[in-house]
């Protein structure tokens, strides 16, 4: 469980998200990140050992 009882700043929110992602990965779960909250770059910096699946979008076709 998170050590924060309330979210006071965006850094608190980010820490909670990273903690939840870590819990998911430790339990062999997958996540579907919200791109408005976390970029692919952020995910790769916080979790360098994860493998990401590239999703083909209409723009890439």
PDB file of N, CA and C in Angstrom:
ATOM      1  N   UNK A   1       0.846  -1.185   0.000  1.00  0.00           N
ATOM      2  CA  UNK A   1       0.000   0.000   0.000  1.00  0.00           C
ATOM      3  C   UNK A   1       0.885   1.241   0.000  1.00  0.00           C
ATOM      4  N   UNK A   2       0.395   2.256  -0.600  1.00  0.00           N
ATOM      5  CA  UNK A   2       1.175   3.477  -0.735  1.00  0.00           C
ATOM      6  C   UNK A   2       1.371   4.174   0.603  1.00  0.00           C
ATOM      7  N   UNK A   3       2.451   4.905   0.699  1.00  0.00           N
ATOM      8  CA  UNK A   3       2.737   5.602   1.951  1.00  0.00           C
ATOM      9  C   UNK A   3       2.095   6.987   1.990  1.00  0.00           C
ATOM     10  N   UNK A   4       1.400   7.365   0.935  1.00  0.00           N
ATOM     11  CA  UNK A   4       0.743   8.666   0.900  1.00  0.00           C
ATOM     12  C   UNK A   4      -0.713   8.516   1.301  1.00  0.00           C
ATOM     13  N   UNK A   5      -1.177   9.395   2.161  1.00  0.00           N
ATOM     14  CA  UNK A   5      -2.588   9.365   2.526  1.00  0.00           C
ATOM     15  C   UNK A   5      -3.388  10.325   1.661  1.00  0.00           C
ATOM     16  N   UNK A   6      -2.713  11.258   1.048  1.00  0.00           N
ATOM     17  CA  UNK A   6      -3.380  12.168   0.124  1.00  0.00           C
ATOM     18  C   UNK A   6      -2.375  12.663  -0.907  1.00  0.00           C
ATOM     19  N   UNK A   7      -2.898  13.085  -2.037  1.00  0.00           N
ATOM     20  CA  UNK A   7      -2.045  13.603  -3.099  1.00  0.00           C
ATOM     21  C   UNK A   7      -1.976  15.113  -2.934  1.00  0.00           C
ATOM     22  N   UNK A   8      -0.768  15.592  -2.668  1.00  0.00           N
ATOM     23  CA  UNK A   8      -0.583  17.024  -2.454  1.00  0.00           C
ATOM     24  C   UNK A   8       0.035  17.713  -3.662  1.00  0.00           C
ATOM     25  N   UNK A   9       0.839  16.990  -4.406  1.00  0.00           N
ATOM     26  CA  UNK A   9       1.525  17.581  -5.555  1.00  0.00           C
ATOM     27  C   UNK A   9       1.534  16.583  -6.705  1.00  0.00           C
ATOM     28  N   UNK A  10       1.947  17.054  -7.862  1.00  0.00           N
ATOM     29  CA  UNK A  10       2.053  16.147  -9.006  1.00  0.00           C
ATOM     30  C   UNK A  10       3.130  15.095  -8.761  1.00  0.00           C
ATOM     31  N   UNK A  11       4.133  15.429  -7.968  1.00  0.00           N
ATOM     32  CA  UNK A  11       5.179  14.450  -7.642  1.00  0.00           C
ATOM     33  C   UNK A  11       4.599  13.316  -6.790  1.00  0.00           C
ATOM     34  N   UNK A  12       3.702  13.642  -5.858  1.00  0.00           N
ATOM     35  CA  UNK A  12       3.026  12.599  -5.077  1.00  0.00           C
ATOM     36  C   UNK A  12       2.261  11.661  -6.008  1.00  0.00           C
ATOM     37  N   UNK A  13       1.542  12.245  -6.956  1.00  0.00           N
ATOM     38  CA  UNK A  13       0.763  11.452  -7.905  1.00  0.00           C
ATOM     39  C   UNK A  13       1.687  10.552  -8.718  1.00  0.00           C
ATOM     40  N   UNK A  14       2.790  11.091  -9.211  1.00  0.00           N
ATOM     41  CA  UNK A  14       3.749  10.314  -9.999  1.00  0.00           C
ATOM     42  C   UNK A  14       4.313   9.162  -9.179  1.00  0.00           C
ATOM     43  N   UNK A  15       4.656   9.428  -7.916  1.00  0.00           N
ATOM     44  CA  UNK A  15       5.203   8.377  -7.055  1.00  0.00           C
ATOM     45  C   UNK A  15       4.204   7.243  -6.844  1.00  0.00           C
ATOM     46  N   UNK A  16       2.941   7.583  -6.693  1.00  0.00           N
ATOM     47  CA  UNK A  16       1.913   6.561  -6.518  1.00  0.00           C
ATOM     48  C   UNK A  16       1.783   5.725  -7.786  1.00  0.00           C
ATOM     49  N   UNK A  17       1.785   6.382  -8.942  1.00  0.00           N
ATOM     50  CA  UNK A  17       1.682   5.666 -10.213  1.00  0.00           C
ATOM     51  C   UNK A  17       2.859   4.711 -10.388  1.00  0.00           C
ATOM     52  N   UNK A  18       4.073   5.181 -10.110  1.00  0.00           N
ATOM     53  CA  UNK A  18       5.268   4.334 -10.245  1.00  0.00           C
ATOM     54  C   UNK A  18       5.185   3.154  -9.283  1.00  0.00           C
ATOM     55  N   UNK A  19       4.721   3.393  -8.069  1.00  0.00           N
ATOM     56  CA  UNK A  19       4.591   2.313  -7.092  1.00  0.00           C
ATOM     57  C   UNK A  19       3.583   1.262  -7.561  1.00  0.00           C
ATOM     58  N   UNK A  20       2.463   1.704  -8.111  1.00  0.00           N
ATOM     59  CA  UNK A  20       1.466   0.764  -8.621  1.00  0.00           C
ATOM     60  C   UNK A  20       1.991  -0.016  -9.825  1.00  0.00           C
ATOM     61  N   UNK A  21       2.733   0.662 -10.693  1.00  0.00           N
ATOM     62  CA  UNK A  21       3.343  -0.032 -11.828  1.00  0.00           C
ATOM     63  C   UNK A  21       4.323  -1.093 -11.342  1.00  0.00           C
ATOM     64  N   UNK A  22       5.142  -0.749 -10.356  1.00  0.00           N
ATOM     65  CA  UNK A  22       6.093  -1.719  -9.802  1.00  0.00           C
ATOM     66  C   UNK A  22       5.380  -2.935  -9.232  1.00  0.00           C
ATOM     67  N   UNK A  23       4.286  -2.707  -8.507  1.00  0.00           N
ATOM     68  CA  UNK A  23       3.518  -3.825  -7.954  1.00  0.00           C
ATOM     69  C   UNK A  23       2.969  -4.712  -9.064  1.00  0.00           C
ATOM     70  N   UNK A  24       2.476  -4.101 -10.122  1.00  0.00           N
ATOM     71  CA  UNK A  24       1.946  -4.876 -11.245  1.00  0.00           C
ATOM     72  C   UNK A  24       3.039  -5.732 -11.864  1.00  0.00           C
ATOM     73  N   UNK A  25       4.207  -5.149 -12.115  1.00  0.00           N
ATOM     74  CA  UNK A  25       5.297  -5.895 -12.743  1.00  0.00           C
ATOM     75  C   UNK A  25       5.838  -6.986 -11.825  1.00  0.00           C
ATOM     76  N   UNK A  26       5.893  -6.730 -10.524  1.00  0.00           N
ATOM     77  CA  UNK A  26       6.370  -7.746  -9.579  1.00  0.00           C
ATOM     78  C   UNK A  26       5.434  -8.954  -9.549  1.00  0.00           C
ATOM     79  N   UNK A  27       4.152  -8.721  -9.821  1.00  0.00           N
ATOM     80  CA  UNK A  27       3.161  -9.791  -9.808  1.00  0.00           C
ATOM     81  C   UNK A  27       2.849 -10.300 -11.214  1.00  0.00           C
ATOM     82  N   UNK A  28       3.777 -10.050 -12.144  1.00  0.00           N
ATOM     83  CA  UNK A  28       3.680 -10.550 -13.518  1.00  0.00           C
ATOM     84  C   UNK A  28       2.392 -10.113 -14.205  1.00  0.00           C
ATOM     85  N   UNK A  29       2.008  -8.888 -13.977  1.00  0.00           N
ATOM     86  CA  UNK A  29       0.830  -8.307 -14.612  1.00  0.00           C
ATOM     87  C   UNK A  29       1.271  -7.324 -15.677  1.00  0.00           C
ATOM     88  N   UNK A  30       0.361  -6.978 -16.533  1.00  0.00           N
ATOM     89  CA  UNK A  30       0.643  -5.974 -17.551  1.00  0.00           C
ATOM     90  C   UNK A  30      -0.127  -4.710 -17.204  1.00  0.00           C
ATOM     91  N   UNK A  31       0.304  -3.614 -17.787  1.00  0.00           N
ATOM     92  CA  UNK A  31      -0.387  -2.350 -17.557  1.00  0.00           C
ATOM     93  C   UNK A  31      -0.700  -1.718 -18.902  1.00  0.00           C
ATOM     94  N   UNK A  32      -1.698  -0.898 -18.907  1.00  0.00           N
ATOM     95  CA  UNK A  32      -2.031  -0.092 -20.069  1.00  0.00           C
ATOM     96  C   UNK A  32      -1.891   1.360 -19.628  1.00  0.00           C
ATOM     97  N   UNK A  33      -0.731   1.947 -19.874  1.00  0.00           N
ATOM     98  CA  UNK A  33      -0.481   3.295 -19.366  1.00  0.00           C
ATOM     99  C   UNK A  33      -1.353   4.341 -20.052  1.00  0.00           C
ATOM    100  N   UNK A  34      -1.671   5.362 -19.316  1.00  0.00           N
ATOM    101  CA  UNK A  34      -2.440   6.483 -19.839  1.00  0.00           C
ATOM    102  C   UNK A  34      -1.451   7.480 -20.430  1.00  0.00           C
ATOM    103  N   UNK A  35      -1.448   7.664 -21.744  1.00  0.00           N
ATOM    104  CA  UNK A  35      -0.449   8.547 -22.363  1.00  0.00           C
ATOM    105  C   UNK A  35      -0.595  10.015 -21.987  1.00  0.00           C
ATOM    106  N   UNK A  36      -1.744  10.403 -21.438  1.00  0.00           N
ATOM    107  CA  UNK A  36      -1.887  11.792 -20.995  1.00  0.00           C
ATOM    108  C   UNK A  36      -1.223  12.014 -19.646  1.00  0.00           C
ATOM    109  N   UNK A  37      -0.912  10.912 -18.947  1.00  0.00           N
ATOM    110  CA  UNK A  37      -0.279  11.008 -17.633  1.00  0.00           C
ATOM    111  C   UNK A  37       1.194  10.631 -17.698  1.00  0.00           C
ATOM    112  N   UNK A  38       1.493   9.546 -18.419  1.00  0.00           N
ATOM    113  CA  UNK A  38       2.866   9.028 -18.479  1.00  0.00           C
ATOM    114  C   UNK A  38       3.251   8.773 -19.924  1.00  0.00           C
ATOM    115  N   UNK A  39       4.364   9.313 -20.344  1.00  0.00           N
ATOM    116  CA  UNK A  39       4.847   9.070 -21.700  1.00  0.00           C
ATOM    117  C   UNK A  39       5.631   7.762 -21.742  1.00  0.00           C
ATOM    118  N   UNK A  40       5.850   7.268 -22.953  1.00  0.00           N
ATOM    119  CA  UNK A  40       6.672   6.060 -23.111  1.00  0.00           C
ATOM    120  C   UNK A  40       8.066   6.287 -22.546  1.00  0.00           C
ATOM    121  N   UNK A  41       8.581   7.480 -22.733  1.00  0.00           N
ATOM    122  CA  UNK A  41       9.918   7.811 -22.213  1.00  0.00           C
ATOM    123  C   UNK A  41       9.948   7.683 -20.687  1.00  0.00           C
ATOM    124  N   UNK A  42       8.900   8.189 -20.013  1.00  0.00           N
ATOM    125  CA  UNK A  42       8.817   8.075 -18.551  1.00  0.00           C
ATOM    126  C   UNK A  42       8.815   6.614 -18.119  1.00  0.00           C
ATOM    127  N   UNK A  43       8.025   5.798 -18.808  1.00  0.00           N
ATOM    128  CA  UNK A  43       7.954   4.372 -18.461  1.00  0.00           C
ATOM    129  C   UNK A  43       9.302   3.692 -18.621  1.00  0.00           C
ATOM    130  N   UNK A  44       9.981   3.984 -19.715  1.00  0.00           N
ATOM    131  CA  UNK A  44      11.282   3.355 -19.958  1.00  0.00           C
ATOM    132  C   UNK A  44      12.329   3.812 -18.945  1.00  0.00           C
ATOM    133  N   UNK A  45      12.241   5.065 -18.490  1.00  0.00           N
ATOM    134  CA  UNK A  45      13.185   5.558 -17.475  1.00  0.00           C
ATOM    135  C   UNK A  45      12.926   4.908 -16.120  1.00  0.00           C
ATOM    136  N   UNK A  46      11.638   4.769 -15.752  1.00  0.00           N
ATOM    137  CA  UNK A  46      11.295   4.215 -14.441  1.00  0.00           C
ATOM    138  C   UNK A  46      11.386   2.694 -14.395  1.00  0.00           C
ATOM    139  N   UNK A  47      11.198   2.037 -15.535  1.00  0.00           N
ATOM    140  CA  UNK A  47      11.202   0.573 -15.596  1.00  0.00           C
ATOM    141  C   UNK A  47      12.035   0.134 -16.798  1.00  0.00           C
ATOM    142  N   UNK A  48      13.349   0.227 -16.708  1.00  0.00           N
ATOM    143  CA  UNK A  48      14.195  -0.058 -17.876  1.00  0.00           C
ATOM    144  C   UNK A  48      14.174  -1.516 -18.338  1.00  0.00           C
ATOM    145  N   UNK A  49      13.734  -2.443 -17.504  1.00  0.00           N
ATOM    146  CA  UNK A  49      13.774  -3.857 -17.889  1.00  0.00           C
ATOM    147  C   UNK A  49      12.482  -4.355 -18.519  1.00  0.00           C
ATOM    148  N   UNK A  50      11.455  -3.529 -18.593  1.00  0.00           N
ATOM    149  CA  UNK A  50      10.189  -4.002 -19.159  1.00  0.00           C
ATOM    150  C   UNK A  50      10.266  -4.041 -20.674  1.00  0.00           C
ATOM    151  N   UNK A  51       9.431  -4.886 -21.240  1.00  0.00           N
ATOM    152  CA  UNK A  51       9.295  -4.947 -22.694  1.00  0.00           C
ATOM    153  C   UNK A  51       7.975  -4.293 -23.054  1.00  0.00           C
ATOM    154  N   UNK A  52       7.998  -3.456 -24.047  1.00  0.00           N
ATOM    155  CA  UNK A  52       6.787  -2.765 -24.475  1.00  0.00           C
ATOM    156  C   UNK A  52       6.343  -3.302 -25.827  1.00  0.00           C
ATOM    157  N   UNK A  53       5.055  -3.360 -26.009  1.00  0.00           N
ATOM    158  CA  UNK A  53       4.488  -3.758 -27.285  1.00  0.00           C
ATOM    159  C   UNK A  53       4.139  -2.486 -28.034  1.00  0.00           C
ATOM    160  N   UNK A  54       4.669  -2.384 -29.236  1.00  0.00           N
ATOM    161  CA  UNK A  54       4.366  -1.216 -30.055  1.00  0.00           C
ATOM    162  C   UNK A  54       2.985  -1.407 -30.671  1.00  0.00           C
ATOM    163  N   UNK A  55       2.125  -0.438 -30.473  1.00  0.00           N
ATOM    164  CA  UNK A  55       0.787  -0.489 -31.032  1.00  0.00           C
ATOM    165  C   UNK A  55       0.779   0.332 -32.308  1.00  0.00           C
ATOM    166  N   UNK A  56       0.304  -0.284 -33.373  1.00  0.00           N
ATOM    167  CA  UNK A  56       0.257   0.416 -34.649  1.00  0.00           C
ATOM    168  C   UNK A  56      -0.937   1.359 -34.645  1.00  0.00           C
ATOM    169  N   UNK A  57      -0.684   2.598 -34.953  1.00  0.00           N
ATOM    170  CA  UNK A  57      -1.756   3.583 -35.007  1.00  0.00           C
ATOM    171  C   UNK A  57      -2.040   3.934 -36.454  1.00  0.00           C
ATOM    172  N   UNK A  58      -3.103   4.660 -36.674  1.00  0.00           N
ATOM    173  CA  UNK A  58      -3.463   5.083 -38.022  1.00  0.00           C
ATOM    174  C   UNK A  58      -2.358   5.929 -38.641  1.00  0.00           C
ATOM    175  N   UNK A  59      -1.660   6.718 -37.822  1.00  0.00           N
ATOM    176  CA  UNK A  59      -0.614   7.601 -38.322  1.00  0.00           C
ATOM    177  C   UNK A  59       0.575   6.825 -38.862  1.00  0.00           C
ATOM    178  N   UNK A  60       0.858   5.648 -38.301  1.00  0.00           N
ATOM    179  CA  UNK A  60       2.022   4.863 -38.703  1.00  0.00           C
ATOM    180  C   UNK A  60       1.791   4.082 -39.989  1.00  0.00           C
ATOM    181  N   UNK A  61       0.542   3.905 -40.398  1.00  0.00           N
ATOM    182  CA  UNK A  61       0.223   3.096 -41.587  1.00  0.00           C
ATOM    183  C   UNK A  61       0.648   3.760 -42.857  1.00  0.00           C
TER     184      UNK A  61
END
